Amino acid sequence: MDLASFYAAEFAEHTAVTTATREALGQPFAALVDSCCTALNAGGKIIFFGNGGSAADAQHLATELSVRYIADRKAIPALALTTDSSALTAIGNDLGFEQLFARQIEALCRKEDMVIGISTSGRSANVTKGLQSAKAIGARVAALSGKGGGDLVGLADPLLIVPSSTTARIQEMHIMLGQMLCGAIEKKLGLTS
């Protein structure tokens, strides 16, 4: 293995995807920030969920909002549906893995909330069902995806589709966009300068 070439190629692909993402997602990102702030100003919360690395991103972003991101400020109500091991195992066992997020949305989501699903492929059935459940409640529904958006196209609005088919690059852009979202929410709500 030529480690130097691998190293250089990974950075080159990351840079290309970063540039393509910056050029493609400015408007959907602004729409996501607006939707989140509208939900928060209406007394709602932000609910994140996804599988695997996307579950980790959901937890990371919910924590940035509920604790702090840029500066000390009042807590922003946010949660990830990937942290309650009892709920996850009971739903998976009793209702099936596809119901993992939809059931929690049914219990916790209100129409004032903003619900953000994260799926690199856009083809995670439990993410799709969770967003459908939130939409039925009347909540705002958005998603982060890649690989063309899959089943999330026409369901999530806004839908931020990273222009890549490489899972690792999509995940890198998701956490970057997510952290940018946290910073933008703080600024737009006037919680930091």
N, C-alpha and C. Protein backbone atom coordinates (compact mmCIF):
# COMPACT_ATOMS: atom_id res chain seq x y z
N MET A 1 0.84 -1.19 0.00
CA MET A 1 0.00 0.00 0.00
C MET A 1 0.88 1.25 0.00
N ASP A 2 0.53 2.17 -0.87
CA ASP A 2 1.24 3.46 -0.92
C ASP A 2 0.48 4.42 -0.02
N LEU A 3 0.91 4.52 1.24
CA LEU A 3 0.20 5.31 2.24
C LEU A 3 0.19 6.79 1.88
N ALA A 4 1.26 7.28 1.31
CA ALA A 4 1.31 8.70 0.94
C ALA A 4 0.26 9.02 -0.12
N SER A 5 0.09 8.14 -1.10
CA SER A 5 -0.91 8.35 -2.15
C SER A 5 -2.32 8.27 -1.58
N PHE A 6 -2.54 7.29 -0.70
CA PHE A 6 -3.85 7.16 -0.05
C PHE A 6 -4.18 8.43 0.72
N TYR A 7 -3.23 8.90 1.49
CA TYR A 7 -3.40 10.10 2.31
C TYR A 7 -3.78 11.29 1.42
N ALA A 8 -3.02 11.48 0.35
CA ALA A 8 -3.26 12.60 -0.55
C ALA A 8 -4.61 12.47 -1.24
N ALA A 9 -4.98 11.26 -1.65
CA ALA A 9 -6.25 11.04 -2.34
C ALA A 9 -7.45 11.30 -1.43
N GLU A 10 -7.35 10.90 -0.17
CA GLU A 10 -8.45 11.15 0.77
C GLU A 10 -8.67 12.65 0.96
N PHE A 11 -7.56 13.40 1.12
CA PHE A 11 -7.69 14.85 1.26
C PHE A 11 -8.24 15.48 -0.01
N ALA A 12 -7.80 14.99 -1.16
CA ALA A 12 -8.27 15.55 -2.43
C ALA A 12 -9.77 15.33 -2.59
N GLU A 13 -10.24 14.13 -2.25
CA GLU A 13 -11.68 13.84 -2.36
C GLU A 13 -12.47 14.68 -1.36
N HIS A 14 -11.96 14.78 -0.14
CA HIS A 14 -12.62 15.60 0.88
C HIS A 14 -12.76 17.05 0.40
N THR A 15 -11.69 17.59 -0.13
CA THR A 15 -11.70 18.97 -0.60
C THR A 15 -12.70 19.14 -1.74
N ALA A 16 -12.75 18.19 -2.68
CA ALA A 16 -13.68 18.29 -3.80
C ALA A 16 -15.12 18.23 -3.32
N VAL A 17 -15.41 17.34 -2.37
CA VAL A 17 -16.78 17.23 -1.86
C VAL A 17 -17.14 18.46 -1.04
N THR A 18 -16.19 18.98 -0.28
CA THR A 18 -16.45 20.21 0.48
C THR A 18 -16.82 21.35 -0.46
N THR A 19 -16.08 21.50 -1.53
CA THR A 19 -16.36 22.57 -2.50
C THR A 19 -17.73 22.37 -3.15
N ALA A 20 -18.03 21.15 -3.56
CA ALA A 20 -19.33 20.87 -4.20
C ALA A 20 -20.48 21.09 -3.23
N THR A 21 -20.28 20.72 -1.97
CA THR A 21 -21.31 20.92 -0.94
C THR A 21 -21.54 22.40 -0.71
N ARG A 22 -20.47 23.16 -0.58
CA ARG A 22 -20.59 24.61 -0.38
C ARG A 22 -21.38 25.25 -1.52
N GLU A 23 -21.12 24.82 -2.74
CA GLU A 23 -21.79 25.40 -3.91
C GLU A 23 -23.25 24.97 -4.03
N ALA A 24 -23.56 23.76 -3.57
CA ALA A 24 -24.92 23.21 -3.78
C ALA A 24 -25.90 23.50 -2.66
N LEU A 25 -25.44 23.68 -1.43
CA LEU A 25 -26.37 23.63 -0.31
C LEU A 25 -26.59 24.94 0.44
N GLY A 26 -26.16 26.05 -0.11
CA GLY A 26 -26.37 27.33 0.58
C GLY A 26 -27.84 27.63 0.86
N GLN A 27 -28.69 27.49 -0.14
CA GLN A 27 -30.11 27.79 0.03
C GLN A 27 -30.80 26.78 0.94
N PRO A 28 -30.61 25.47 0.75
CA PRO A 28 -31.25 24.54 1.68
C PRO A 28 -30.75 24.68 3.13
N PHE A 29 -29.48 25.04 3.29
CA PHE A 29 -28.95 25.27 4.63
C PHE A 29 -29.65 26.46 5.28
N ALA A 30 -29.79 27.55 4.55
CA ALA A 30 -30.49 28.73 5.08
C ALA A 30 -31.93 28.38 5.44
N ALA A 31 -32.58 27.57 4.62
CA ALA A 31 -33.96 27.16 4.90
C ALA A 31 -34.02 26.31 6.17
N LEU A 32 -33.01 25.45 6.37
CA LEU A 32 -32.96 24.63 7.58
C LEU A 32 -32.80 25.50 8.82
N VAL A 33 -31.90 26.47 8.76
CA VAL A 33 -31.71 27.38 9.90
C VAL A 33 -33.02 28.10 10.20
N ASP A 34 -33.68 28.62 9.18
CA ASP A 34 -34.95 29.33 9.37
C ASP A 34 -36.00 28.43 10.00
N SER A 35 -36.13 27.20 9.51
CA SER A 35 -37.12 26.27 10.04
C SER A 35 -36.85 25.93 11.50
N CYS A 36 -35.58 25.71 11.82
CA CYS A 36 -35.22 25.40 13.21
C CYS A 36 -35.56 26.58 14.12
N CYS A 37 -35.21 27.77 13.71
CA CYS A 37 -35.48 28.95 14.55
C CYS A 37 -36.97 29.21 14.68
N THR A 38 -37.73 28.98 13.62
CA THR A 38 -39.19 29.14 13.69
C THR A 38 -39.76 28.16 14.71
N ALA A 39 -39.30 26.92 14.67
CA ALA A 39 -39.77 25.91 15.62
C ALA A 39 -39.40 26.30 17.05
N LEU A 40 -38.17 26.72 17.26
CA LEU A 40 -37.73 27.10 18.61
C LEU A 40 -38.49 28.32 19.11
N ASN A 41 -38.72 29.30 18.26
CA ASN A 41 -39.47 30.49 18.66
C ASN A 41 -40.93 30.19 18.96
N ALA A 42 -41.44 29.08 18.42
CA ALA A 42 -42.82 28.66 18.69
C ALA A 42 -42.92 27.78 19.94
N GLY A 43 -41.79 27.60 20.63
CA GLY A 43 -41.78 26.77 21.82
C GLY A 43 -41.49 25.30 21.55
N GLY A 44 -41.06 25.00 20.34
CA GLY A 44 -40.74 23.62 19.98
C GLY A 44 -39.31 23.26 20.31
N LYS A 45 -38.96 22.05 19.95
CA LYS A 45 -37.61 21.53 20.16
C LYS A 45 -37.11 20.95 18.85
N ILE A 46 -35.83 20.62 18.80
CA ILE A 46 -35.25 19.98 17.63
C ILE A 46 -34.95 18.53 17.99
N ILE A 47 -35.43 17.62 17.16
CA ILE A 47 -35.26 16.18 17.37
C ILE A 47 -34.41 15.63 16.23
N PHE A 48 -33.30 14.98 16.58
CA PHE A 48 -32.39 14.39 15.60
C PHE A 48 -32.42 12.86 15.71
N PHE A 49 -32.22 12.18 14.59
CA PHE A 49 -32.04 10.72 14.64
C PHE A 49 -31.39 10.20 13.37
N GLY A 50 -30.76 9.03 13.50
CA GLY A 50 -30.11 8.34 12.40
C GLY A 50 -29.50 7.06 12.92
N ASN A 51 -28.89 6.30 12.05
CA ASN A 51 -28.29 5.00 12.40
C ASN A 51 -26.77 5.06 12.32
N GLY A 52 -26.09 4.29 13.15
CA GLY A 52 -24.64 4.17 13.08
C GLY A 52 -23.94 5.50 13.28
N GLY A 53 -23.11 5.90 12.31
CA GLY A 53 -22.42 7.18 12.39
C GLY A 53 -23.40 8.34 12.44
N SER A 54 -24.53 8.19 11.78
CA SER A 54 -25.56 9.23 11.81
C SER A 54 -26.21 9.33 13.19
N ALA A 55 -26.27 8.21 13.91
CA ALA A 55 -26.76 8.25 15.29
C ALA A 55 -25.80 9.05 16.16
N ALA A 56 -24.52 8.85 15.94
CA ALA A 56 -23.51 9.61 16.68
C ALA A 56 -23.62 11.09 16.35
N ASP A 57 -23.84 11.42 15.08
CA ASP A 57 -24.03 12.82 14.70
C ASP A 57 -25.26 13.40 15.37
N ALA A 58 -26.35 12.63 15.42
CA ALA A 58 -27.58 13.10 16.06
C ALA A 58 -27.32 13.46 17.52
N GLN A 59 -26.61 12.59 18.23
CA GLN A 59 -26.30 12.84 19.64
C GLN A 59 -25.38 14.04 19.80
N HIS A 60 -24.38 14.14 18.92
CA HIS A 60 -23.43 15.23 18.97
C HIS A 60 -24.15 16.57 18.80
N LEU A 61 -25.01 16.67 17.79
CA LEU A 61 -25.68 17.94 17.50
C LEU A 61 -26.69 18.31 18.57
N ALA A 62 -27.43 17.33 19.08
CA ALA A 62 -28.38 17.62 20.16
C ALA A 62 -27.64 18.16 21.38
N THR A 63 -26.47 17.61 21.66
CA THR A 63 -25.67 18.06 22.79
C THR A 63 -25.14 19.48 22.56
N GLU A 64 -24.67 19.77 21.35
CA GLU A 64 -24.18 21.12 21.06
C GLU A 64 -25.27 22.16 21.36
N LEU A 65 -26.52 21.82 21.04
CA LEU A 65 -27.61 22.77 21.25
C LEU A 65 -28.06 22.82 22.70
N SER A 66 -28.22 21.68 23.32
CA SER A 66 -28.76 21.69 24.68
C SER A 66 -27.73 22.12 25.73
N VAL A 67 -26.44 22.01 25.41
CA VAL A 67 -25.40 22.42 26.37
C VAL A 67 -24.79 23.75 25.94
N ARG A 68 -23.99 23.73 24.89
CA ARG A 68 -23.40 24.96 24.35
C ARG A 68 -22.66 24.60 23.09
N TYR A 69 -22.51 25.59 22.22
CA TYR A 69 -21.69 25.40 21.02
C TYR A 69 -20.60 26.46 20.99
N ILE A 70 -20.95 27.72 20.72
CA ILE A 70 -19.94 28.77 20.64
C ILE A 70 -19.65 29.38 22.01
N ALA A 71 -20.70 29.70 22.74
CA ALA A 71 -20.51 30.42 24.00
C ALA A 71 -21.56 29.98 25.01
N ASP A 72 -21.33 30.32 26.27
CA ASP A 72 -22.32 30.04 27.29
C ASP A 72 -23.59 30.83 26.97
N ARG A 73 -24.72 30.16 27.04
CA ARG A 73 -26.01 30.79 26.77
C ARG A 73 -27.09 29.87 27.30
N LYS A 74 -28.34 30.31 27.23
CA LYS A 74 -29.42 29.45 27.72
C LYS A 74 -29.51 28.20 26.85
N ALA A 75 -30.00 27.15 27.43
CA ALA A 75 -30.12 25.88 26.73
C ALA A 75 -31.12 25.99 25.58
N ILE A 76 -30.80 25.33 24.48
CA ILE A 76 -31.72 25.22 23.34
C ILE A 76 -32.29 23.80 23.38
N PRO A 77 -33.61 23.65 23.41
CA PRO A 77 -34.20 22.32 23.54
C PRO A 77 -33.94 21.44 22.31
N ALA A 78 -33.17 20.39 22.51
CA ALA A 78 -32.83 19.46 21.44
C ALA A 78 -32.57 18.09 22.04
N LEU A 79 -32.90 17.05 21.30
CA LEU A 79 -32.64 15.69 21.77
C LEU A 79 -32.39 14.77 20.60
N ALA A 80 -31.72 13.66 20.89
CA ALA A 80 -31.47 12.61 19.90
C ALA A 80 -32.26 11.37 20.30
N LEU A 81 -32.89 10.73 19.34
CA LEU A 81 -33.69 9.54 19.62
C LEU A 81 -32.85 8.27 19.63
N THR A 82 -31.56 8.43 19.80
CA THR A 82 -30.65 7.29 19.70
C THR A 82 -29.97 6.96 21.03
N THR A 83 -30.45 7.57 22.12
CA THR A 83 -29.71 7.45 23.39
C THR A 83 -30.39 6.59 24.44
N ASP A 84 -31.65 6.24 24.27
CA ASP A 84 -32.38 5.49 25.29
C ASP A 84 -32.34 4.01 24.93
N SER A 85 -31.40 3.29 25.54
CA SER A 85 -31.20 1.88 25.18
C SER A 85 -32.42 1.02 25.48
N SER A 86 -33.17 1.36 26.51
CA SER A 86 -34.39 0.58 26.81
C SER A 86 -35.44 0.76 25.73
N ALA A 87 -35.66 2.01 25.31
CA ALA A 87 -36.63 2.27 24.24
C ALA A 87 -36.16 1.62 22.94
N LEU A 88 -34.90 1.77 22.60
CA LEU A 88 -34.39 1.23 21.34
C LEU A 88 -34.54 -0.29 21.28
N THR A 89 -34.18 -0.96 22.37
CA THR A 89 -34.26 -2.43 22.34
C THR A 89 -35.70 -2.92 22.43
N ALA A 90 -36.54 -2.23 23.19
CA ALA A 90 -37.95 -2.64 23.28
C ALA A 90 -38.66 -2.45 21.95
N ILE A 91 -38.45 -1.30 21.32
CA ILE A 91 -39.09 -1.05 20.02
C ILE A 91 -38.58 -2.04 18.98
N GLY A 92 -37.27 -2.22 18.92
CA GLY A 92 -36.70 -3.17 17.96
C GLY A 92 -37.23 -4.57 18.17
N ASN A 93 -37.32 -4.99 19.42
CA ASN A 93 -37.78 -6.34 19.73
C ASN A 93 -39.28 -6.51 19.53
N ASP A 94 -40.06 -5.56 20.02
CA ASP A 94 -41.52 -5.71 20.04
C ASP A 94 -42.21 -5.25 18.76
N LEU A 95 -41.68 -4.19 18.14
CA LEU A 95 -42.36 -3.60 16.99
C LEU A 95 -41.57 -3.71 15.70
N GLY A 96 -40.28 -3.98 15.80
CA GLY A 96 -39.44 -4.09 14.61
C GLY A 96 -38.55 -2.88 14.44
N PHE A 97 -37.37 -3.11 13.87
CA PHE A 97 -36.36 -2.06 13.75
C PHE A 97 -36.85 -0.88 12.91
N GLU A 98 -37.72 -1.13 11.95
CA GLU A 98 -38.22 -0.04 11.10
C GLU A 98 -39.04 0.97 11.89
N GLN A 99 -39.55 0.58 13.06
CA GLN A 99 -40.38 1.47 13.88
C GLN A 99 -39.57 2.23 14.94
N LEU A 100 -38.25 2.04 14.93
CA LEU A 100 -37.38 2.57 15.97
C LEU A 100 -37.59 4.06 16.26
N PHE A 101 -37.69 4.86 15.23
CA PHE A 101 -37.83 6.31 15.42
C PHE A 101 -39.29 6.74 15.37
N ALA A 102 -40.09 6.10 14.54
CA ALA A 102 -41.50 6.48 14.42
C ALA A 102 -42.22 6.36 15.76
N ARG A 103 -41.93 5.31 16.49
CA ARG A 103 -42.61 5.12 17.78
C ARG A 103 -42.20 6.22 18.78
N GLN A 104 -40.92 6.55 18.81
CA GLN A 104 -40.47 7.62 19.71
C GLN A 104 -41.03 8.97 19.27
N ILE A 105 -41.11 9.20 17.98
CA ILE A 105 -41.72 10.44 17.47
C ILE A 105 -43.17 10.52 17.93
N GLU A 106 -43.89 9.42 17.82
CA GLU A 106 -45.28 9.39 18.27
C GLU A 106 -45.40 9.79 19.73
N ALA A 107 -44.46 9.37 20.54
CA ALA A 107 -44.50 9.66 21.98
C ALA A 107 -44.01 11.06 22.33
N LEU A 108 -43.01 11.58 21.61
CA LEU A 108 -42.30 12.78 22.05
C LEU A 108 -42.49 14.02 21.18
N CYS A 109 -42.89 13.85 19.95
CA CYS A 109 -42.93 14.96 19.00
C CYS A 109 -44.27 15.69 19.05
N ARG A 110 -44.20 17.00 18.90
CA ARG A 110 -45.38 17.86 18.82
C ARG A 110 -45.28 18.70 17.55
N LYS A 111 -46.38 19.27 17.13
CA LYS A 111 -46.41 20.01 15.86
C LYS A 111 -45.46 21.20 15.85
N GLU A 112 -45.11 21.73 17.00
CA GLU A 112 -44.20 22.88 17.06
C GLU A 112 -42.74 22.49 16.81
N ASP A 113 -42.44 21.20 16.80
CA ASP A 113 -41.05 20.72 16.76
C ASP A 113 -40.47 20.71 15.35
N MET A 114 -39.14 20.65 15.31
CA MET A 114 -38.36 20.47 14.08
C MET A 114 -37.72 19.09 14.18
N VAL A 115 -37.94 18.25 13.20
CA VAL A 115 -37.43 16.88 13.22
C VAL A 115 -36.43 16.73 12.07
N ILE A 116 -35.22 16.28 12.41
CA ILE A 116 -34.15 16.15 11.41
C ILE A 116 -33.65 14.71 11.39
N GLY A 117 -33.90 14.04 10.28
CA GLY A 117 -33.39 12.69 10.08
C GLY A 117 -32.05 12.76 9.35
N ILE A 118 -31.17 11.83 9.68
CA ILE A 118 -29.84 11.79 9.06
C ILE A 118 -29.63 10.40 8.48
N SER A 119 -29.40 10.34 7.16
CA SER A 119 -29.16 9.06 6.49
C SER A 119 -28.25 9.31 5.31
N THR A 120 -27.07 8.72 5.31
CA THR A 120 -26.12 8.97 4.22
C THR A 120 -26.68 8.49 2.88
N SER A 121 -27.46 7.42 2.89
CA SER A 121 -28.00 6.88 1.64
C SER A 121 -29.39 7.41 1.31
N GLY A 122 -30.10 7.89 2.34
CA GLY A 122 -31.50 8.27 2.14
C GLY A 122 -32.42 7.07 2.05
N ARG A 123 -31.91 5.89 2.35
CA ARG A 123 -32.69 4.66 2.21
C ARG A 123 -32.87 3.89 3.52
N SER A 124 -32.70 4.56 4.64
CA SER A 124 -32.90 3.91 5.93
C SER A 124 -34.39 3.92 6.24
N ALA A 125 -35.01 2.75 6.25
CA ALA A 125 -36.47 2.67 6.41
C ALA A 125 -36.91 3.28 7.73
N ASN A 126 -36.12 3.09 8.80
CA ASN A 126 -36.55 3.64 10.09
C ASN A 126 -36.46 5.17 10.11
N VAL A 127 -35.52 5.75 9.38
CA VAL A 127 -35.45 7.20 9.28
C VAL A 127 -36.64 7.73 8.49
N THR A 128 -36.92 7.07 7.36
CA THR A 128 -38.07 7.48 6.54
C THR A 128 -39.37 7.40 7.33
N LYS A 129 -39.58 6.30 8.04
CA LYS A 129 -40.80 6.15 8.84
C LYS A 129 -40.87 7.18 9.97
N GLY A 130 -39.73 7.49 10.58
CA GLY A 130 -39.71 8.50 11.62
C GLY A 130 -40.13 9.86 11.09
N LEU A 131 -39.61 10.21 9.91
CA LEU A 131 -39.98 11.49 9.30
C LEU A 131 -41.45 11.51 8.88
N GLN A 132 -41.93 10.39 8.37
CA GLN A 132 -43.35 10.31 8.00
C GLN A 132 -44.24 10.49 9.23
N SER A 133 -43.85 9.90 10.33
CA SER A 133 -44.61 10.03 11.58
C SER A 133 -44.63 11.48 12.05
N ALA A 134 -43.47 12.16 11.96
CA ALA A 134 -43.40 13.56 12.37
C ALA A 134 -44.26 14.44 11.46
N LYS A 135 -44.23 14.14 10.18
CA LYS A 135 -45.02 14.91 9.22
C LYS A 135 -46.51 14.74 9.51
N ALA A 136 -46.93 13.53 9.87
CA ALA A 136 -48.34 13.27 10.18
C ALA A 136 -48.78 14.07 11.41
N ILE A 137 -47.86 14.30 12.34
CA ILE A 137 -48.16 15.09 13.54
C ILE A 137 -48.26 16.58 13.18
N GLY A 138 -47.62 16.97 12.09
CA GLY A 138 -47.62 18.37 11.67
C GLY A 138 -46.34 19.10 11.99
N ALA A 139 -45.32 18.34 12.45
CA ALA A 139 -44.02 18.95 12.75
C ALA A 139 -43.27 19.28 11.46
N ARG A 140 -42.31 20.17 11.58
CA ARG A 140 -41.43 20.47 10.45
C ARG A 140 -40.47 19.29 10.28
N VAL A 141 -40.20 18.92 9.04
CA VAL A 141 -39.41 17.73 8.74
C VAL A 141 -38.29 18.08 7.77
N ALA A 142 -37.05 17.79 8.18
CA ALA A 142 -35.88 18.03 7.34
C ALA A 142 -34.96 16.81 7.41
N ALA A 143 -33.96 16.77 6.53
CA ALA A 143 -33.02 15.66 6.56
C ALA A 143 -31.69 16.05 5.95
N LEU A 144 -30.67 15.32 6.38
CA LEU A 144 -29.33 15.37 5.80
C LEU A 144 -29.12 14.03 5.11
N SER A 145 -28.65 14.06 3.87
CA SER A 145 -28.46 12.81 3.14
C SER A 145 -27.30 12.96 2.17
N GLY A 146 -27.16 11.98 1.31
CA GLY A 146 -26.18 11.95 0.24
C GLY A 146 -26.69 10.97 -0.79
N LYS A 147 -25.85 10.58 -1.72
CA LYS A 147 -26.20 9.56 -2.71
C LYS A 147 -27.53 9.85 -3.41
N GLY A 148 -27.80 11.12 -3.67
CA GLY A 148 -29.01 11.49 -4.38
C GLY A 148 -30.25 11.66 -3.52
N GLY A 149 -30.16 11.35 -2.23
CA GLY A 149 -31.28 11.58 -1.32
C GLY A 149 -32.22 10.41 -1.13
N GLY A 150 -32.19 9.43 -2.02
CA GLY A 150 -32.99 8.21 -1.85
C GLY A 150 -34.46 8.49 -1.59
N ASP A 151 -35.00 7.80 -0.57
CA ASP A 151 -36.42 7.88 -0.23
C ASP A 151 -36.79 9.18 0.47
N LEU A 152 -35.82 10.01 0.79
CA LEU A 152 -36.09 11.27 1.49
C LEU A 152 -36.51 12.38 0.54
N VAL A 153 -36.27 12.19 -0.76
CA VAL A 153 -36.67 13.18 -1.76
C VAL A 153 -38.20 13.26 -1.77
N GLY A 154 -38.72 14.47 -1.60
CA GLY A 154 -40.17 14.66 -1.57
C GLY A 154 -40.78 14.50 -0.20
N LEU A 155 -39.99 14.00 0.75
CA LEU A 155 -40.48 13.82 2.12
C LEU A 155 -39.94 14.93 3.03
N ALA A 156 -38.65 15.12 3.02
CA ALA A 156 -38.01 16.13 3.88
C ALA A 156 -37.89 17.45 3.14
N ASP A 157 -38.18 18.54 3.84
CA ASP A 157 -38.06 19.87 3.26
C ASP A 157 -37.70 20.87 4.35
N PRO A 158 -36.45 21.32 4.37
CA PRO A 158 -35.44 21.12 3.35
C PRO A 158 -34.72 19.77 3.47
N LEU A 159 -34.19 19.35 2.34
CA LEU A 159 -33.37 18.15 2.27
C LEU A 159 -31.98 18.57 1.79
N LEU A 160 -30.98 18.38 2.65
CA LEU A 160 -29.61 18.74 2.30
C LEU A 160 -28.90 17.48 1.82
N ILE A 161 -28.74 17.37 0.51
CA ILE A 161 -28.11 16.19 -0.10
C ILE A 161 -26.66 16.52 -0.42
N VAL A 162 -25.74 15.90 0.27
CA VAL A 162 -24.32 16.08 -0.01
C VAL A 162 -24.03 15.46 -1.37
N PRO A 163 -23.42 16.20 -2.29
CA PRO A 163 -23.17 15.68 -3.64
C PRO A 163 -21.99 14.72 -3.67
N SER A 164 -22.22 13.53 -3.14
CA SER A 164 -21.18 12.49 -3.11
C SER A 164 -21.86 11.14 -2.95
N SER A 165 -21.17 10.09 -3.37
CA SER A 165 -21.66 8.72 -3.14
C SER A 165 -20.74 7.97 -2.19
N THR A 166 -19.76 8.66 -1.61
CA THR A 166 -18.83 8.06 -0.67
C THR A 166 -19.31 8.32 0.76
N THR A 167 -19.65 7.26 1.48
CA THR A 167 -20.23 7.41 2.81
C THR A 167 -19.36 8.27 3.73
N ALA A 168 -18.07 8.04 3.74
CA ALA A 168 -17.19 8.79 4.63
C ALA A 168 -17.24 10.28 4.33
N ARG A 169 -17.22 10.65 3.06
CA ARG A 169 -17.26 12.08 2.70
C ARG A 169 -18.62 12.68 3.07
N ILE A 170 -19.70 11.93 2.88
CA ILE A 170 -21.04 12.41 3.24
C ILE A 170 -21.09 12.67 4.74
N GLN A 171 -20.57 11.73 5.53
CA GLN A 171 -20.57 11.89 6.99
C GLN A 171 -19.75 13.11 7.41
N GLU A 172 -18.63 13.33 6.75
CA GLU A 172 -17.81 14.50 7.07
C GLU A 172 -18.59 15.79 6.82
N MET A 173 -19.33 15.85 5.73
CA MET A 173 -20.12 17.04 5.42
C MET A 173 -21.31 17.16 6.37
N HIS A 174 -21.90 16.03 6.77
CA HIS A 174 -23.03 16.09 7.69
C HIS A 174 -22.63 16.73 9.02
N ILE A 175 -21.50 16.32 9.58
CA ILE A 175 -21.13 16.91 10.86
C ILE A 175 -20.70 18.36 10.68
N MET A 176 -20.10 18.70 9.56
CA MET A 176 -19.77 20.10 9.31
C MET A 176 -21.04 20.94 9.19
N LEU A 177 -21.99 20.48 8.37
CA LEU A 177 -23.26 21.20 8.22
C LEU A 177 -24.00 21.27 9.55
N GLY A 178 -23.96 20.19 10.32
CA GLY A 178 -24.63 20.17 11.61
C GLY A 178 -24.04 21.16 12.59
N GLN A 179 -22.73 21.24 12.63
CA GLN A 179 -22.11 22.21 13.52
C GLN A 179 -22.35 23.64 13.04
N MET A 180 -22.35 23.84 11.74
CA MET A 180 -22.70 25.15 11.21
C MET A 180 -24.14 25.51 11.60
N LEU A 181 -25.02 24.52 11.57
CA LEU A 181 -26.42 24.74 11.97
C LEU A 181 -26.49 25.21 13.42
N CYS A 182 -25.75 24.56 14.29
CA CYS A 182 -25.75 24.95 15.70
C CYS A 182 -25.27 26.39 15.88
N GLY A 183 -24.18 26.74 15.20
CA GLY A 183 -23.66 28.10 15.29
C GLY A 183 -24.63 29.12 14.73
N ALA A 184 -25.26 28.79 13.61
CA ALA A 184 -26.21 29.72 12.98
C ALA A 184 -27.45 29.92 13.85
N ILE A 185 -27.92 28.84 14.48
CA ILE A 185 -29.09 28.96 15.36
C ILE A 185 -28.75 29.88 16.53
N GLU A 186 -27.60 29.68 17.16
CA GLU A 186 -27.20 30.55 18.27
C GLU A 186 -27.19 32.02 17.84
N LYS A 187 -26.60 32.29 16.67
CA LYS A 187 -26.51 33.66 16.20
C LYS A 187 -27.88 34.22 15.84
N LYS A 188 -28.68 33.44 15.12
CA LYS A 188 -29.98 33.94 14.66
C LYS A 188 -30.93 34.19 15.84
N LEU A 189 -30.80 33.40 16.89
CA LEU A 189 -31.65 33.60 18.07
C LEU A 189 -31.09 34.70 18.98
N GLY A 190 -29.95 35.27 18.61
CA GLY A 190 -29.35 36.34 19.39
C GLY A 190 -28.72 35.88 20.68
N LEU A 191 -28.31 34.62 20.72
CA LEU A 191 -27.72 34.06 21.93
C LEU A 191 -26.22 34.23 22.00
N THR A 192 -25.59 34.59 20.87
CA THR A 192 -24.16 34.85 20.82
C THR A 192 -23.92 35.89 19.72
N SER A 193 -22.82 36.56 19.81
CA SER A 193 -22.54 37.60 18.80
C SER A 193 -21.82 37.01 17.60
